[in-house]
């Protein structure tokens, strides 16, 4: 669940609130529009754009694979890069990582 929280945190605050009201509380667009002070059509559009944003592969991996799994994979890639620099004798770049 941490991955989902992280990715939702990338949304603008108003869009997060719209998504929360829609998917956690199950409210219709008409009620959400009154709560956030926007037209129902605007709320619908923001909800759809937010879903598209969350579904982008670079973000959805955080949700589907989980936050820690993704970070662990990133750490492994960094370590491999550091070892490659050391093997090449490029100690300055290895130290920067």
PDB file of N, CA and C in Angstrom:
ATOM      1  N   UNK A   1       0.818  -1.193   0.000  1.00  0.00           N
ATOM      2  CA  UNK A   1       0.000   0.000   0.000  1.00  0.00           C
ATOM      3  C   UNK A   1       0.865   1.261   0.000  1.00  0.00           C
ATOM      4  N   UNK A   2       2.088   1.144   0.470  1.00  0.00           N
ATOM      5  CA  UNK A   2       2.981   2.302   0.517  1.00  0.00           C
ATOM      6  C   UNK A   2       3.252   2.844  -0.880  1.00  0.00           C
ATOM      7  N   UNK A   3       3.361   1.956  -1.870  1.00  0.00           N
ATOM      8  CA  UNK A   3       3.586   2.397  -3.242  1.00  0.00           C
ATOM      9  C   UNK A   3       2.444   3.243  -3.762  1.00  0.00           C
ATOM     10  N   UNK A   4       1.214   2.834  -3.476  1.00  0.00           N
ATOM     11  CA  UNK A   4       0.041   3.596  -3.892  1.00  0.00           C
ATOM     12  C   UNK A   4       0.024   4.961  -3.218  1.00  0.00           C
ATOM     13  N   UNK A   5       0.333   5.004  -1.941  1.00  0.00           N
ATOM     14  CA  UNK A   5       0.370   6.277  -1.214  1.00  0.00           C
ATOM     15  C   UNK A   5       1.430   7.202  -1.800  1.00  0.00           C
ATOM     16  N   UNK A   6       2.575   6.644  -2.138  1.00  0.00           N
ATOM     17  CA  UNK A   6       3.644   7.454  -2.724  1.00  0.00           C
ATOM     18  C   UNK A   6       3.199   8.058  -4.048  1.00  0.00           C
ATOM     19  N   UNK A   7       2.648   7.230  -4.931  1.00  0.00           N
ATOM     20  CA  UNK A   7       2.258   7.703  -6.259  1.00  0.00           C
ATOM     21  C   UNK A   7       1.114   8.710  -6.160  1.00  0.00           C
ATOM     22  N   UNK A   8       0.154   8.464  -5.290  1.00  0.00           N
ATOM     23  CA  UNK A   8      -0.940   9.427  -5.117  1.00  0.00           C
ATOM     24  C   UNK A   8      -0.418  10.748  -4.572  1.00  0.00           C
ATOM     25  N   UNK A   9       0.640  10.696  -3.814  1.00  0.00           N
ATOM     26  CA  UNK A   9       1.259  11.922  -3.299  1.00  0.00           C
ATOM     27  C   UNK A   9       1.858  12.783  -4.391  1.00  0.00           C
ATOM     28  N   UNK A  10       2.064  12.218  -5.572  1.00  0.00           N
ATOM     29  CA  UNK A  10       2.579  12.983  -6.703  1.00  0.00           C
ATOM     30  C   UNK A  10       1.495  13.827  -7.370  1.00  0.00           C
ATOM     31  N   UNK A  11       0.237  13.494  -7.087  1.00  0.00           N
ATOM     32  CA  UNK A  11      -0.875  14.273  -7.643  1.00  0.00           C
ATOM     33  C   UNK A  11      -0.977  15.624  -6.944  1.00  0.00           C
ATOM     34  N   UNK A  12      -1.553  16.596  -7.647  1.00  0.00           N
ATOM     35  CA  UNK A  12      -1.831  17.881  -7.012  1.00  0.00           C
ATOM     36  C   UNK A  12      -2.836  17.650  -5.890  1.00  0.00           C
ATOM     37  N   UNK A  13      -2.777  18.499  -4.871  1.00  0.00           N
ATOM     38  CA  UNK A  13      -3.597  18.295  -3.680  1.00  0.00           C
ATOM     39  C   UNK A  13      -5.092  18.219  -4.008  1.00  0.00           C
ATOM     40  N   UNK A  14      -5.579  19.118  -4.869  1.00  0.00           N
ATOM     41  CA  UNK A  14      -6.998  19.098  -5.210  1.00  0.00           C
ATOM     42  C   UNK A  14      -7.370  17.811  -5.948  1.00  0.00           C
ATOM     43  N   UNK A  15      -6.509  17.344  -6.836  1.00  0.00           N
ATOM     44  CA  UNK A  15      -6.780  16.101  -7.560  1.00  0.00           C
ATOM     45  C   UNK A  15      -6.761  14.894  -6.623  1.00  0.00           C
ATOM     46  N   UNK A  16      -5.875  14.925  -5.629  1.00  0.00           N
ATOM     47  CA  UNK A  16      -5.850  13.848  -4.612  1.00  0.00           C
ATOM     48  C   UNK A  16      -7.178  13.812  -3.866  1.00  0.00           C
ATOM     49  N   UNK A  17      -7.684  15.000  -3.517  1.00  0.00           N
ATOM     50  CA  UNK A  17      -8.949  15.078  -2.795  1.00  0.00           C
ATOM     51  C   UNK A  17     -10.098  14.562  -3.661  1.00  0.00           C
ATOM     52  N   UNK A  18     -10.100  14.924  -4.934  1.00  0.00           N
ATOM     53  CA  UNK A  18     -11.126  14.436  -5.858  1.00  0.00           C
ATOM     54  C   UNK A  18     -11.074  12.913  -5.934  1.00  0.00           C
ATOM     55  N   UNK A  19      -9.879  12.359  -6.071  1.00  0.00           N
ATOM     56  CA  UNK A  19      -9.731  10.900  -6.155  1.00  0.00           C
ATOM     57  C   UNK A  19     -10.176  10.226  -4.851  1.00  0.00           C
ATOM     58  N   UNK A  20      -9.831  10.831  -3.732  1.00  0.00           N
ATOM     59  CA  UNK A  20     -10.217  10.267  -2.436  1.00  0.00           C
ATOM     60  C   UNK A  20     -11.738  10.241  -2.306  1.00  0.00           C
ATOM     61  N   UNK A  21     -12.377  11.358  -2.620  1.00  0.00           N
ATOM     62  CA  UNK A  21     -13.831  11.421  -2.519  1.00  0.00           C
ATOM     63  C   UNK A  21     -14.505  10.438  -3.479  1.00  0.00           C
ATOM     64  N   UNK A  22     -13.946  10.291  -4.657  1.00  0.00           N
ATOM     65  CA  UNK A  22     -14.541   9.411  -5.664  1.00  0.00           C
ATOM     66  C   UNK A  22     -14.346   7.931  -5.330  1.00  0.00           C
ATOM     67  N   UNK A  23     -13.108   7.546  -4.989  1.00  0.00           N
ATOM     68  CA  UNK A  23     -12.797   6.121  -4.864  1.00  0.00           C
ATOM     69  C   UNK A  23     -12.782   5.600  -3.431  1.00  0.00           C
ATOM     70  N   UNK A  24     -12.521   6.435  -2.453  1.00  0.00           N
ATOM     71  CA  UNK A  24     -12.588   5.968  -1.064  1.00  0.00           C
ATOM     72  C   UNK A  24     -13.997   6.118  -0.503  1.00  0.00           C
ATOM     73  N   UNK A  25     -14.618   7.263  -0.817  1.00  0.00           N
ATOM     74  CA  UNK A  25     -15.950   7.508  -0.270  1.00  0.00           C
ATOM     75  C   UNK A  25     -17.065   7.185  -1.253  1.00  0.00           C
ATOM     76  N   UNK A  26     -16.722   6.939  -2.521  1.00  0.00           N
ATOM     77  CA  UNK A  26     -17.712   6.545  -3.514  1.00  0.00           C
ATOM     78  C   UNK A  26     -18.715   7.620  -3.886  1.00  0.00           C
ATOM     79  N   UNK A  27     -18.326   8.884  -3.743  1.00  0.00           N
ATOM     80  CA  UNK A  27     -19.249   9.976  -4.034  1.00  0.00           C
ATOM     81  C   UNK A  27     -19.359  10.224  -5.539  1.00  0.00           C
ATOM     82  N   UNK A  28     -20.558  10.636  -5.980  1.00  0.00           N
ATOM     83  CA  UNK A  28     -20.723  10.971  -7.403  1.00  0.00           C
ATOM     84  C   UNK A  28     -20.065  12.324  -7.710  1.00  0.00           C
ATOM     85  N   UNK A  29     -19.824  12.554  -8.986  1.00  0.00           N
ATOM     86  CA  UNK A  29     -19.167  13.801  -9.394  1.00  0.00           C
ATOM     87  C   UNK A  29     -19.926  15.037  -8.927  1.00  0.00           C
ATOM     88  N   UNK A  30     -21.251  14.969  -8.896  1.00  0.00           N
ATOM     89  CA  UNK A  30     -22.045  16.134  -8.491  1.00  0.00           C
ATOM     90  C   UNK A  30     -21.747  16.535  -7.037  1.00  0.00           C
ATOM     91  N   UNK A  31     -21.611  15.559  -6.146  1.00  0.00           N
ATOM     92  CA  UNK A  31     -21.286  15.857  -4.745  1.00  0.00           C
ATOM     93  C   UNK A  31     -19.841  16.343  -4.602  1.00  0.00           C
ATOM     94  N   UNK A  32     -18.946  15.714  -5.340  1.00  0.00           N
ATOM     95  CA  UNK A  32     -17.532  16.117  -5.289  1.00  0.00           C
ATOM     96  C   UNK A  32     -17.390  17.546  -5.777  1.00  0.00           C
ATOM     97  N   UNK A  33     -18.132  17.894  -6.832  1.00  0.00           N
ATOM     98  CA  UNK A  33     -18.029  19.246  -7.384  1.00  0.00           C
ATOM     99  C   UNK A  33     -18.437  20.290  -6.352  1.00  0.00           C
ATOM    100  N   UNK A  34     -19.455  20.007  -5.558  1.00  0.00           N
ATOM    101  CA  UNK A  34     -19.850  20.949  -4.507  1.00  0.00           C
ATOM    102  C   UNK A  34     -18.784  21.029  -3.418  1.00  0.00           C
ATOM    103  N   UNK A  35     -18.156  19.907  -3.101  1.00  0.00           N
ATOM    104  CA  UNK A  35     -17.145  19.876  -2.038  1.00  0.00           C
ATOM    105  C   UNK A  35     -15.883  20.645  -2.415  1.00  0.00           C
ATOM    106  N   UNK A  36     -15.498  20.584  -3.695  1.00  0.00           N
ATOM    107  CA  UNK A  36     -14.246  21.237  -4.112  1.00  0.00           C
ATOM    108  C   UNK A  36     -14.465  22.554  -4.848  1.00  0.00           C
ATOM    109  N   UNK A  37     -15.728  22.890  -5.105  1.00  0.00           N
ATOM    110  CA  UNK A  37     -16.027  24.163  -5.744  1.00  0.00           C
ATOM    111  C   UNK A  37     -15.700  24.210  -7.233  1.00  0.00           C
ATOM    112  N   UNK A  38     -15.889  23.107  -7.910  1.00  0.00           N
ATOM    113  CA  UNK A  38     -15.643  23.011  -9.360  1.00  0.00           C
ATOM    114  C   UNK A  38     -16.889  22.437 -10.031  1.00  0.00           C
ATOM    115  N   UNK A  39     -16.993  22.631 -11.335  1.00  0.00           N
ATOM    116  CA  UNK A  39     -18.079  22.021 -12.095  1.00  0.00           C
ATOM    117  C   UNK A  39     -17.909  20.505 -12.111  1.00  0.00           C
ATOM    118  N   UNK A  40     -19.025  19.784 -12.195  1.00  0.00           N
ATOM    119  CA  UNK A  40     -18.971  18.317 -12.224  1.00  0.00           C
ATOM    120  C   UNK A  40     -18.160  17.825 -13.424  1.00  0.00           C
ATOM    121  N   UNK A  41     -18.269  18.522 -14.560  1.00  0.00           N
ATOM    122  CA  UNK A  41     -17.501  18.126 -15.748  1.00  0.00           C
ATOM    123  C   UNK A  41     -16.006  18.290 -15.501  1.00  0.00           C
ATOM    124  N   UNK A  42     -15.620  19.340 -14.784  1.00  0.00           N
ATOM    125  CA  UNK A  42     -14.214  19.567 -14.452  1.00  0.00           C
ATOM    126  C   UNK A  42     -13.709  18.483 -13.505  1.00  0.00           C
ATOM    127  N   UNK A  43     -14.539  18.125 -12.539  1.00  0.00           N
ATOM    128  CA  UNK A  43     -14.176  17.068 -11.589  1.00  0.00           C
ATOM    129  C   UNK A  43     -13.982  15.744 -12.326  1.00  0.00           C
ATOM    130  N   UNK A  44     -14.892  15.431 -13.229  1.00  0.00           N
ATOM    131  CA  UNK A  44     -14.786  14.203 -14.020  1.00  0.00           C
ATOM    132  C   UNK A  44     -13.504  14.193 -14.841  1.00  0.00           C
ATOM    133  N   UNK A  45     -13.208  15.304 -15.480  1.00  0.00           N
ATOM    134  CA  UNK A  45     -11.999  15.413 -16.303  1.00  0.00           C
ATOM    135  C   UNK A  45     -10.740  15.254 -15.458  1.00  0.00           C
ATOM    136  N   UNK A  46     -10.709  15.897 -14.299  1.00  0.00           N
ATOM    137  CA  UNK A  46      -9.534  15.779 -13.420  1.00  0.00           C
ATOM    138  C   UNK A  46      -9.363  14.365 -12.900  1.00  0.00           C
ATOM    139  N   UNK A  47     -10.466  13.703 -12.622  1.00  0.00           N
ATOM    140  CA  UNK A  47     -10.407  12.323 -12.145  1.00  0.00           C
ATOM    141  C   UNK A  47      -9.818  11.423 -13.230  1.00  0.00           C
ATOM    142  N   UNK A  48     -10.292  11.582 -14.458  1.00  0.00           N
ATOM    143  CA  UNK A  48      -9.793  10.764 -15.565  1.00  0.00           C
ATOM    144  C   UNK A  48      -8.322  11.050 -15.848  1.00  0.00           C
ATOM    145  N   UNK A  49      -7.924  12.321 -15.794  1.00  0.00           N
ATOM    146  CA  UNK A  49      -6.516  12.669 -16.020  1.00  0.00           C
ATOM    147  C   UNK A  49      -5.633  12.123 -14.906  1.00  0.00           C
ATOM    148  N   UNK A  50      -6.141  12.158 -13.671  1.00  0.00           N
ATOM    149  CA  UNK A  50      -5.373  11.619 -12.549  1.00  0.00           C
ATOM    150  C   UNK A  50      -5.183  10.116 -12.693  1.00  0.00           C
ATOM    151  N   UNK A  51      -6.223   9.414 -13.126  1.00  0.00           N
ATOM    152  CA  UNK A  51      -6.102   7.969 -13.360  1.00  0.00           C
ATOM    153  C   UNK A  51      -5.080   7.679 -14.449  1.00  0.00           C
ATOM    154  N   UNK A  52      -5.112   8.465 -15.518  1.00  0.00           N
ATOM    155  CA  UNK A  52      -4.130   8.278 -16.599  1.00  0.00           C
ATOM    156  C   UNK A  52      -2.719   8.518 -16.083  1.00  0.00           C
ATOM    157  N   UNK A  53      -2.558   9.533 -15.244  1.00  0.00           N
ATOM    158  CA  UNK A  53      -1.266   9.849 -14.636  1.00  0.00           C
ATOM    159  C   UNK A  53      -0.769   8.670 -13.805  1.00  0.00           C
ATOM    160  N   UNK A  54      -1.655   8.092 -13.001  1.00  0.00           N
ATOM    161  CA  UNK A  54      -1.278   6.969 -12.131  1.00  0.00           C
ATOM    162  C   UNK A  54      -0.995   5.694 -12.919  1.00  0.00           C
ATOM    163  N   UNK A  55      -1.606   5.562 -14.084  1.00  0.00           N
ATOM    164  CA  UNK A  55      -1.433   4.350 -14.891  1.00  0.00           C
ATOM    165  C   UNK A  55      -0.180   4.374 -15.760  1.00  0.00           C
ATOM    166  N   UNK A  56       0.492   5.498 -15.852  1.00  0.00           N
ATOM    167  CA  UNK A  56       1.721   5.548 -16.651  1.00  0.00           C
ATOM    168  C   UNK A  56       2.701   4.526 -16.092  1.00  0.00           C
ATOM    169  N   UNK A  57       3.356   3.762 -16.970  1.00  0.00           N
ATOM    170  CA  UNK A  57       4.233   2.672 -16.509  1.00  0.00           C
ATOM    171  C   UNK A  57       5.284   3.099 -15.486  1.00  0.00           C
ATOM    172  N   UNK A  58       5.827   4.296 -15.649  1.00  0.00           N
ATOM    173  CA  UNK A  58       6.870   4.731 -14.717  1.00  0.00           C
ATOM    174  C   UNK A  58       6.331   4.932 -13.310  1.00  0.00           C
ATOM    175  N   UNK A  59       5.018   5.140 -13.185  1.00  0.00           N
ATOM    176  CA  UNK A  59       4.411   5.310 -11.865  1.00  0.00           C
ATOM    177  C   UNK A  59       3.694   4.049 -11.396  1.00  0.00           C
ATOM    178  N   UNK A  60       3.067   3.340 -12.336  1.00  0.00           N
ATOM    179  CA  UNK A  60       2.279   2.174 -11.934  1.00  0.00           C
ATOM    180  C   UNK A  60       3.149   1.059 -11.372  1.00  0.00           C
ATOM    181  N   UNK A  61       4.430   1.031 -11.725  1.00  0.00           N
ATOM    182  CA  UNK A  61       5.324   0.009 -11.181  1.00  0.00           C
ATOM    183  C   UNK A  61       5.411   0.135  -9.657  1.00  0.00           C
ATOM    184  N   UNK A  62       5.290   1.345  -9.149  1.00  0.00           N
ATOM    185  CA  UNK A  62       5.310   1.546  -7.697  1.00  0.00           C
ATOM    186  C   UNK A  62       4.104   0.886  -7.043  1.00  0.00           C
ATOM    187  N   UNK A  63       2.989   0.872  -7.765  1.00  0.00           N
ATOM    188  CA  UNK A  63       1.762   0.294  -7.223  1.00  0.00           C
ATOM    189  C   UNK A  63       1.772  -1.221  -7.387  1.00  0.00           C
ATOM    190  N   UNK A  64       2.084  -1.711  -8.592  1.00  0.00           N
ATOM    191  CA  UNK A  64       1.987  -3.136  -8.872  1.00  0.00           C
ATOM    192  C   UNK A  64       3.092  -3.950  -8.210  1.00  0.00           C
ATOM    193  N   UNK A  65       4.294  -3.397  -8.169  1.00  0.00           N
ATOM    194  CA  UNK A  65       5.409  -4.160  -7.597  1.00  0.00           C
ATOM    195  C   UNK A  65       5.717  -3.752  -6.166  1.00  0.00           C
ATOM    196  N   UNK A  66       5.249  -2.614  -5.764  1.00  0.00           N
ATOM    197  CA  UNK A  66       5.472  -2.160  -4.398  1.00  0.00           C
ATOM    198  C   UNK A  66       6.686  -1.266  -4.278  1.00  0.00           C
ATOM    199  N   UNK A  67       6.598  -0.392  -3.345  1.00  0.00           N
ATOM    200  CA  UNK A  67       7.620   0.625  -3.092  1.00  0.00           C
ATOM    201  C   UNK A  67       8.983   0.004  -2.782  1.00  0.00           C
ATOM    202  N   UNK A  68       9.025  -0.894  -1.823  1.00  0.00           N
ATOM    203  CA  UNK A  68      10.316  -1.447  -1.399  1.00  0.00           C
ATOM    204  C   UNK A  68      10.961  -2.313  -2.478  1.00  0.00           C
ATOM    205  N   UNK A  69      10.160  -3.068  -3.212  1.00  0.00           N
ATOM    206  CA  UNK A  69      10.709  -3.897  -4.281  1.00  0.00           C
ATOM    207  C   UNK A  69      11.353  -3.017  -5.345  1.00  0.00           C
ATOM    208  N   UNK A  70      10.697  -1.912  -5.681  1.00  0.00           N
ATOM    209  CA  UNK A  70      11.227  -1.005  -6.696  1.00  0.00           C
ATOM    210  C   UNK A  70      12.518  -0.350  -6.203  1.00  0.00           C
ATOM    211  N   UNK A  71      12.523   0.099  -4.958  1.00  0.00           N
ATOM    212  CA  UNK A  71      13.716   0.728  -4.384  1.00  0.00           C
ATOM    213  C   UNK A  71      14.867  -0.267  -4.322  1.00  0.00           C
ATOM    214  N   UNK A  72      14.581  -1.510  -3.927  1.00  0.00           N
ATOM    215  CA  UNK A  72      15.632  -2.533  -3.870  1.00  0.00           C
ATOM    216  C   UNK A  72      16.243  -2.764  -5.244  1.00  0.00           C
ATOM    217  N   UNK A  73      15.406  -2.798  -6.273  1.00  0.00           N
ATOM    218  CA  UNK A  73      15.915  -2.986  -7.630  1.00  0.00           C
ATOM    219  C   UNK A  73      16.793  -1.797  -8.029  1.00  0.00           C
ATOM    220  N   UNK A  74      16.388  -0.605  -7.654  1.00  0.00           N
ATOM    221  CA  UNK A  74      17.164   0.585  -7.951  1.00  0.00           C
ATOM    222  C   UNK A  74      18.514   0.528  -7.238  1.00  0.00           C
ATOM    223  N   UNK A  75      18.506   0.109  -5.966  1.00  0.00           N
ATOM    224  CA  UNK A  75      19.755  -0.012  -5.209  1.00  0.00           C
ATOM    225  C   UNK A  75      20.707  -0.998  -5.879  1.00  0.00           C
ATOM    226  N   UNK A  76      20.172  -2.107  -6.390  1.00  0.00           N
ATOM    227  CA  UNK A  76      21.002  -3.094  -7.085  1.00  0.00           C
ATOM    228  C   UNK A  76      21.633  -2.491  -8.335  1.00  0.00           C
ATOM    229  N   UNK A  77      20.876  -1.709  -9.082  1.00  0.00           N
ATOM    230  CA  UNK A  77      21.392  -1.071 -10.293  1.00  0.00           C
ATOM    231  C   UNK A  77      22.491  -0.073  -9.956  1.00  0.00           C
ATOM    232  N   UNK A  78      22.325   0.664  -8.881  1.00  0.00           N
ATOM    233  CA  UNK A  78      23.334   1.634  -8.453  1.00  0.00           C
ATOM    234  C   UNK A  78      24.613   0.914  -8.052  1.00  0.00           C
ATOM    235  N   UNK A  79      24.474  -0.172  -7.333  1.00  0.00           N
ATOM    236  CA  UNK A  79      25.646  -0.941  -6.910  1.00  0.00           C
ATOM    237  C   UNK A  79      26.390  -1.515  -8.111  1.00  0.00           C
ATOM    238  N   UNK A  80      25.646  -2.006  -9.106  1.00  0.00           N
ATOM    239  CA  UNK A  80      26.275  -2.522 -10.323  1.00  0.00           C
ATOM    240  C   UNK A  80      27.045  -1.415 -11.050  1.00  0.00           C
ATOM    241  N   UNK A  81      26.459  -0.246 -11.116  1.00  0.00           N
ATOM    242  CA  UNK A  81      27.111   0.876 -11.780  1.00  0.00           C
ATOM    243  C   UNK A  81      28.393   1.273 -11.033  1.00  0.00           C
ATOM    244  N   UNK A  82      28.311   1.287  -9.717  1.00  0.00           N
ATOM    245  CA  UNK A  82      29.480   1.631  -8.908  1.00  0.00           C
ATOM    246  C   UNK A  82      30.606   0.623  -9.147  1.00  0.00           C
ATOM    247  N   UNK A  83      30.273  -0.682  -9.182  1.00  0.00           N
ATOM    248  CA  UNK A  83      31.278  -1.715  -9.421  1.00  0.00           C
ATOM    249  C   UNK A  83      31.899  -1.574 -10.803  1.00  0.00           C
ATOM    250  N   UNK A  84      31.091  -1.219 -11.785  1.00  0.00           N
ATOM    251  CA  UNK A  84      31.602  -1.036 -13.136  1.00  0.00           C
ATOM    252  C   UNK A  84      32.618   0.105 -13.172  1.00  0.00           C
ATOM    253  N   UNK A  85      32.306   1.212 -12.502  1.00  0.00           N
ATOM    254  CA  UNK A  85      33.248   2.336 -12.445  1.00  0.00           C
ATOM    255  C   UNK A  85      34.556   1.933 -11.774  1.00  0.00           C
ATOM    256  N   UNK A  86      34.465   1.161 -10.703  1.00  0.00           N
ATOM    257  CA  UNK A  86      35.667   0.721  -9.987  1.00  0.00           C
ATOM    258  C   UNK A  86      36.508  -0.186 -10.879  1.00  0.00           C
ATOM    259  N   UNK A  87      35.859  -1.116 -11.584  1.00  0.00           N
ATOM    260  CA  UNK A  87      36.575  -2.011 -12.492  1.00  0.00           C
ATOM    261  C   UNK A  87      37.283  -1.243 -13.607  1.00  0.00           C
ATOM    262  N   UNK A  88      36.670  -0.145 -14.045  1.00  0.00           N
ATOM    263  CA  UNK A  88      37.269   0.680 -15.102  1.00  0.00           C
ATOM    264  C   UNK A  88      38.321   1.639 -14.555  1.00  0.00           C
ATOM    265  N   UNK A  89      38.466   1.673 -13.245  1.00  0.00           N
ATOM    266  CA  UNK A  89      39.429   2.584 -12.634  1.00  0.00           C
ATOM    267  C   UNK A  89      38.920   4.012 -12.511  1.00  0.00           C
ATOM    268  N   UNK A  90      37.645   4.202 -12.708  1.00  0.00           N
ATOM    269  CA  UNK A  90      37.050   5.527 -12.629  1.00  0.00           C
ATOM    270  C   UNK A  90      36.527   5.740 -11.203  1.00  0.00           C
ATOM    271  N   UNK A  91      37.449   5.969 -10.274  1.00  0.00           N
ATOM    272  CA  UNK A  91      37.115   6.062  -8.853  1.00  0.00           C
ATOM    273  C   UNK A  91      36.340   7.321  -8.512  1.00  0.00           C
ATOM    274  N   UNK A  92      36.551   8.391  -9.271  1.00  0.00           N
ATOM    275  CA  UNK A  92      35.832   9.650  -9.002  1.00  0.00           C
ATOM    276  C   UNK A  92      34.331   9.452  -9.197  1.00  0.00           C
ATOM    277  N   UNK A  93      33.920   8.810 -10.306  1.00  0.00           N
ATOM    278  CA  UNK A  93      32.494   8.567 -10.534  1.00  0.00           C
ATOM    279  C   UNK A  93      31.942   7.559  -9.546  1.00  0.00           C
ATOM    280  N   UNK A  94      32.724   6.565  -9.174  1.00  0.00           N
ATOM    281  CA  UNK A  94      32.282   5.576  -8.210  1.00  0.00           C
ATOM    282  C   UNK A  94      32.004   6.243  -6.859  1.00  0.00           C
ATOM    283  N   UNK A  95      32.813   7.234  -6.501  1.00  0.00           N
ATOM    284  CA  UNK A  95      32.636   7.935  -5.231  1.00  0.00           C
ATOM    285  C   UNK A  95      31.403   8.824  -5.244  1.00  0.00           C
ATOM    286  N   UNK A  96      31.010   9.295  -6.413  1.00  0.00           N
ATOM    287  CA  UNK A  96      29.849  10.173  -6.514  1.00  0.00           C
ATOM    288  C   UNK A  96      28.521   9.441  -6.319  1.00  0.00           C
ATOM    289  N   UNK A  97      28.537   8.163  -6.536  1.00  0.00           N
ATOM    290  CA  UNK A  97      27.283   7.386  -6.447  1.00  0.00           C
ATOM    291  C   UNK A  97      26.940   7.106  -5.009  1.00  0.00           C
TER     292      UNK A  97
END
